[in-house]
Protein backbone atom coordinates (compact mmCIF):
# COMPACT_ATOMS: atom_id res chain seq x y z
CA MET A 1 -5.63 36.25 -3.70
CA ARG A 2 -5.89 38.67 -0.82
CA ILE A 3 -5.66 42.32 -1.90
CA LEU A 4 -4.78 45.44 0.10
CA LEU A 5 -6.20 48.58 -1.52
CA PHE A 6 -5.34 52.19 -0.70
CA GLY A 7 -7.50 54.98 -2.12
CA ALA A 8 -10.73 53.04 -2.65
CA THR A 9 -12.87 56.18 -2.25
CA GLY A 10 -11.20 57.91 -5.21
CA MET A 11 -12.16 57.49 -8.85
CA VAL A 12 -9.45 55.00 -9.80
CA GLY A 13 -9.52 53.16 -6.48
CA ALA A 14 -13.29 52.71 -6.60
CA GLY A 15 -12.99 51.16 -10.05
CA VAL A 16 -10.19 48.89 -8.89
CA LEU A 17 -12.24 47.82 -5.87
CA ARG A 18 -15.13 46.87 -8.13
CA GLU A 19 -12.91 44.65 -10.27
CA CYS A 20 -11.36 43.01 -7.21
CA LEU A 21 -14.77 42.16 -5.79
CA LEU A 22 -15.85 40.70 -9.14
CA ALA A 23 -12.73 38.55 -9.57
CA SER A 24 -13.38 34.90 -8.66
CA ASP A 25 -9.80 34.32 -7.49
CA VAL A 26 -9.85 37.26 -5.05
CA THR A 27 -10.95 35.99 -1.67
CA GLU A 28 -10.52 39.20 0.32
CA VAL A 29 -10.04 42.92 -0.26
CA ARG A 30 -8.99 45.17 2.61
CA THR A 31 -9.47 48.86 1.87
CA VAL A 32 -7.37 51.36 3.80
CA GLY A 33 -8.17 55.05 4.02
CA ARG A 34 -9.28 57.98 6.10
CA THR A 35 -12.97 57.51 5.28
CA PRO A 36 -15.19 54.44 4.81
CA THR A 37 -15.99 53.38 1.26
CA GLY A 38 -19.71 53.10 1.91
CA ARG A 39 -19.78 49.67 0.28
CA ALA A 40 -20.76 46.37 1.83
CA HIS A 41 -19.52 43.07 0.41
CA LEU A 42 -18.66 39.70 1.90
CA LYS A 43 -15.13 39.91 0.48
CA GLN A 44 -14.47 43.45 1.66
CA HIS A 45 -12.98 44.55 4.98
CA GLU A 46 -12.09 48.12 5.91
CA THR A 47 -9.33 49.71 7.91
CA VAL A 48 -10.15 53.36 8.59
CA VAL A 49 -7.28 55.41 10.03
CA GLN A 50 -6.85 59.06 10.94
CA ASP A 51 -3.22 59.32 9.82
CA LEU A 52 -1.95 57.31 6.85
CA PHE A 53 1.62 58.27 7.71
CA ASP A 54 1.21 56.51 11.06
CA PRO A 55 -1.79 54.12 10.99
CA GLY A 56 -0.87 52.54 14.33
CA PRO A 57 0.00 48.98 15.40
CA THR A 58 -3.55 47.62 15.17
CA ALA A 59 -3.94 48.85 11.60
CA TRP A 60 -0.55 47.44 10.57
CA ARG A 61 -1.55 44.04 11.96
CA GLU A 62 -4.72 44.17 9.88
CA MET A 63 -2.65 44.96 6.78
CA THR A 64 -0.34 41.95 7.15
CA GLY A 65 -0.51 38.78 5.06
CA TYR A 66 -1.75 40.10 1.71
CA ASP A 67 -0.60 38.96 -1.71
CA ALA A 68 -0.72 42.37 -3.37
CA CYS A 69 -1.13 46.05 -2.55
CA PHE A 70 -2.81 48.38 -5.04
CA PHE A 71 -1.85 51.95 -4.17
CA CYS A 72 -4.36 54.29 -5.79
CA LEU A 73 -3.96 57.32 -3.53
CA GLY A 74 -3.10 60.57 -5.25
CA VAL A 75 -3.56 64.32 -5.20
CA THR A 76 -3.41 66.96 -7.89
CA SER A 77 -0.30 69.13 -7.86
CA SER A 78 -2.38 72.21 -8.67
CA GLY A 79 -1.94 74.88 -6.00
CA LEU A 80 0.73 72.94 -4.10
CA THR A 81 4.38 73.77 -3.65
CA GLU A 82 6.90 71.11 -4.58
CA ALA A 83 7.55 70.43 -0.88
CA GLU A 84 3.83 69.95 -0.21
CA TYR A 85 3.33 67.73 -3.22
CA LEU A 86 6.45 65.73 -2.34
CA ARG A 87 5.11 65.03 1.14
CA LEU A 88 1.66 63.94 -0.04
CA THR A 89 2.95 61.90 -2.96
CA ASN A 90 6.48 60.60 -2.40
CA ASP A 91 6.71 60.64 1.40
CA LEU A 92 3.29 59.14 2.06
CA THR A 93 3.67 56.41 -0.55
CA LEU A 94 7.07 55.37 0.78
CA ALA A 95 5.94 55.50 4.41
CA VAL A 96 3.34 52.86 3.54
CA ALA A 97 5.35 50.86 1.01
CA GLY A 98 8.51 50.76 3.12
CA ARG A 99 6.62 49.25 6.06
CA LEU A 100 4.75 46.76 3.87
CA ALA A 101 8.00 45.60 2.26
CA LEU A 102 9.30 44.71 5.74
CA LEU A 103 6.07 43.01 6.81
CA ASP A 104 5.38 41.12 3.56
CA PRO A 105 8.39 40.98 1.19
CA ASP A 106 6.55 38.39 -0.94
CA MET A 107 3.90 41.01 -1.76
CA THR A 108 3.37 42.56 -5.20
CA PHE A 109 3.03 46.36 -5.07
CA VAL A 110 1.23 48.29 -7.82
CA TYR A 111 1.46 52.09 -7.83
CA VAL A 112 -0.69 54.47 -9.89
CA SER A 113 1.72 57.02 -11.33
CA GLY A 114 1.04 58.95 -14.54
CA ALA A 115 1.96 59.34 -18.19
CA GLY A 116 4.92 61.66 -18.59
CA THR A 117 6.52 60.77 -15.26
CA ASP A 118 10.17 61.83 -15.20
CA GLY A 119 12.30 58.98 -13.90
CA GLY A 120 15.49 60.94 -14.49
CA GLY A 121 14.41 63.82 -12.26
CA ARG A 122 15.72 66.52 -14.59
CA GLY A 123 12.55 67.75 -16.27
CA ARG A 124 10.77 71.05 -15.71
CA SER A 125 7.48 69.54 -14.57
CA MET A 126 7.34 69.41 -10.79
CA TRP A 127 4.76 66.64 -10.53
CA ALA A 128 6.64 64.49 -13.06
CA ARG A 129 9.89 64.78 -11.10
CA VAL A 130 8.17 63.88 -7.83
CA LYS A 131 6.37 60.91 -9.38
CA GLY A 132 9.65 59.76 -10.95
CA ARG A 133 11.42 59.95 -7.62
CA THR A 134 8.62 57.91 -6.05
CA GLU A 135 8.74 55.26 -8.79
CA ASN A 136 12.51 54.86 -8.44
CA ALA A 137 12.28 54.44 -4.67
CA LEU A 138 9.48 51.88 -4.93
CA GLN A 139 11.44 49.77 -7.39
CA ALA A 140 14.34 49.67 -4.93
CA LEU A 141 12.21 48.17 -2.15
CA PRO A 142 12.42 44.39 -1.57
CA PHE A 143 8.98 43.47 -2.88
CA ALA A 144 8.46 40.30 -4.90
CA GLY A 145 7.29 42.61 -7.67
CA ALA A 146 6.72 46.35 -8.03
CA PHE A 147 4.78 47.84 -10.94
CA MET A 148 4.43 51.49 -11.88
CA PHE A 149 1.20 52.18 -13.81
CA ARG A 150 1.39 55.28 -16.02
CA PRO A 151 -2.10 55.93 -17.42
CA ALA A 152 -2.86 59.16 -19.26
CA VAL A 153 -6.59 59.91 -19.64
CA ILE A 154 -8.71 57.70 -17.37
CA LEU A 155 -12.43 57.31 -18.00
CA PRO A 156 -14.75 56.35 -15.12
CA MET A 157 -17.10 53.52 -16.08
CA HIS A 158 -19.45 52.46 -13.29
CA GLY A 159 -20.38 55.56 -11.36
CA GLU A 160 -16.88 56.37 -10.11
CA ARG A 161 -16.24 60.09 -9.63
CA SER A 162 -13.09 62.13 -9.25
CA LYS A 163 -12.67 63.97 -5.95
CA THR A 164 -11.20 66.94 -7.83
CA THR A 165 -13.91 69.43 -8.81
CA SER A 166 -12.18 70.60 -11.99
CA TYR A 167 -11.78 67.00 -13.17
CA ARG A 168 -15.46 66.26 -12.55
CA LEU A 169 -16.41 69.29 -14.61
CA LEU A 170 -14.02 68.23 -17.38
CA TYR A 171 -15.52 64.73 -17.51
CA ARG A 172 -19.01 66.19 -17.62
CA LEU A 173 -18.16 68.44 -20.57
CA THR A 174 -16.00 66.06 -22.57
CA GLY A 175 -17.35 62.66 -21.53
CA PRO A 176 -19.17 61.78 -24.80
CA VAL A 177 -16.17 62.81 -26.90
CA LEU A 178 -13.73 60.91 -24.70
CA HIS A 179 -15.81 57.75 -24.88
CA LEU A 180 -15.89 58.05 -28.67
CA LEU A 181 -12.12 58.48 -28.74
CA ARG A 182 -11.75 55.47 -26.47
CA ARG A 183 -13.43 53.31 -29.08
CA MET A 184 -10.90 54.55 -31.62
CA ALA A 185 -7.82 54.23 -29.36
CA PRO A 186 -8.67 51.93 -26.44
CA ALA A 187 -5.00 51.34 -25.60
CA GLN A 188 -4.46 55.04 -24.92
CA LEU A 189 -7.68 56.14 -23.22
CA LEU A 190 -8.03 53.68 -20.37
CA THR A 191 -11.06 53.07 -18.21
CA THR A 192 -11.18 52.44 -14.47
CA GLU A 193 -12.33 48.93 -15.37
CA VAL A 194 -9.26 48.27 -17.52
CA ILE A 195 -6.90 49.58 -14.83
CA GLY A 196 -8.44 47.30 -12.20
CA ARG A 197 -8.21 44.25 -14.43
CA ALA A 198 -4.61 45.04 -15.33
CA MET A 199 -3.65 45.36 -11.67
CA LEU A 200 -5.10 41.95 -10.97
CA ALA A 201 -3.27 40.52 -13.98
CA VAL A 202 0.17 41.68 -12.83
CA ALA A 203 -0.57 40.58 -9.26
CA ARG A 204 -1.38 37.09 -10.50
CA ARG A 205 1.83 36.63 -12.44
CA GLY A 206 4.07 38.85 -10.25
CA ARG A 207 6.50 39.64 -13.03
CA GLY A 208 6.84 41.65 -16.24
CA ARG A 209 7.72 45.23 -17.12
CA ALA A 210 8.14 47.30 -13.98
CA VAL A 211 7.06 50.55 -15.66
CA MET A 212 3.81 50.16 -17.57
CA GLU A 213 2.59 52.82 -19.97
CA ALA A 214 -1.05 53.02 -21.08
CA SER A 215 -0.61 50.48 -23.90
CA ASP A 216 1.07 48.00 -21.52
CA ILE A 217 -1.77 48.38 -19.02
CA TYR A 218 -4.34 47.79 -21.74
CA ARG A 219 -2.55 44.66 -22.99
CA ALA A 220 -2.36 43.23 -19.48
CA ALA A 221 -6.08 43.76 -18.92
CA THR A 222 -7.23 42.44 -22.29
CA ALA A 223 -4.93 39.41 -22.16
CA THR A 224 -6.63 38.45 -18.90
CA ALA A 225 -10.08 38.91 -20.46
CA ARG A 226 -9.16 36.74 -23.46
CA SER A 227 -7.76 33.96 -21.30
CA SER A 228 -10.88 33.90 -19.10
CA GLU A 229 -13.05 33.44 -22.19
CA ARG A 230 -11.27 30.28 -23.29
């Protein structure tokens, strides 16, 4: 498989990149972002752009011909108005996904959303309404498959770090407790490793539940692990 990955410098994206590079059936990963990942690997290629809303014709050519796109870009809604958050979440995602659907309609698109996303658009939570609107629009695009991942708590596993200062502090303070809870409820407290493996699993089969809650993500990842052990 050839994978297109947005957000590889973030916590989730870095974990997903690691799993893609480890997967024997992934022949190429192209990361797309505003800054280089700082990694070097034979499978990895980078497209660095100044404006993700308008990467330019050369960048779009580099992003053509991939089997799946893993969209791990995201910002916290804290301190943003709904209009600002809408632009950075809904508008940016659809600017990329809409173009990719025209270039590669056989592609599988996987979007990192969040637990509690409001697909009906009537809830009080601003971020949940915006994420729900984004999910609905993505599912309407002519991709071969589109999957909405809704993790809740995500634990970094291999040195990945959140770009949000408050989240880094939270992980530092609660990390040991969260890892203990993960052992008790692994289907609810997902790791970056699990999310990456689950993305690869749905990309391989290209079908299944469009909206995947934490337990669905966990099952997809662990089913892949069990099958590889046989």
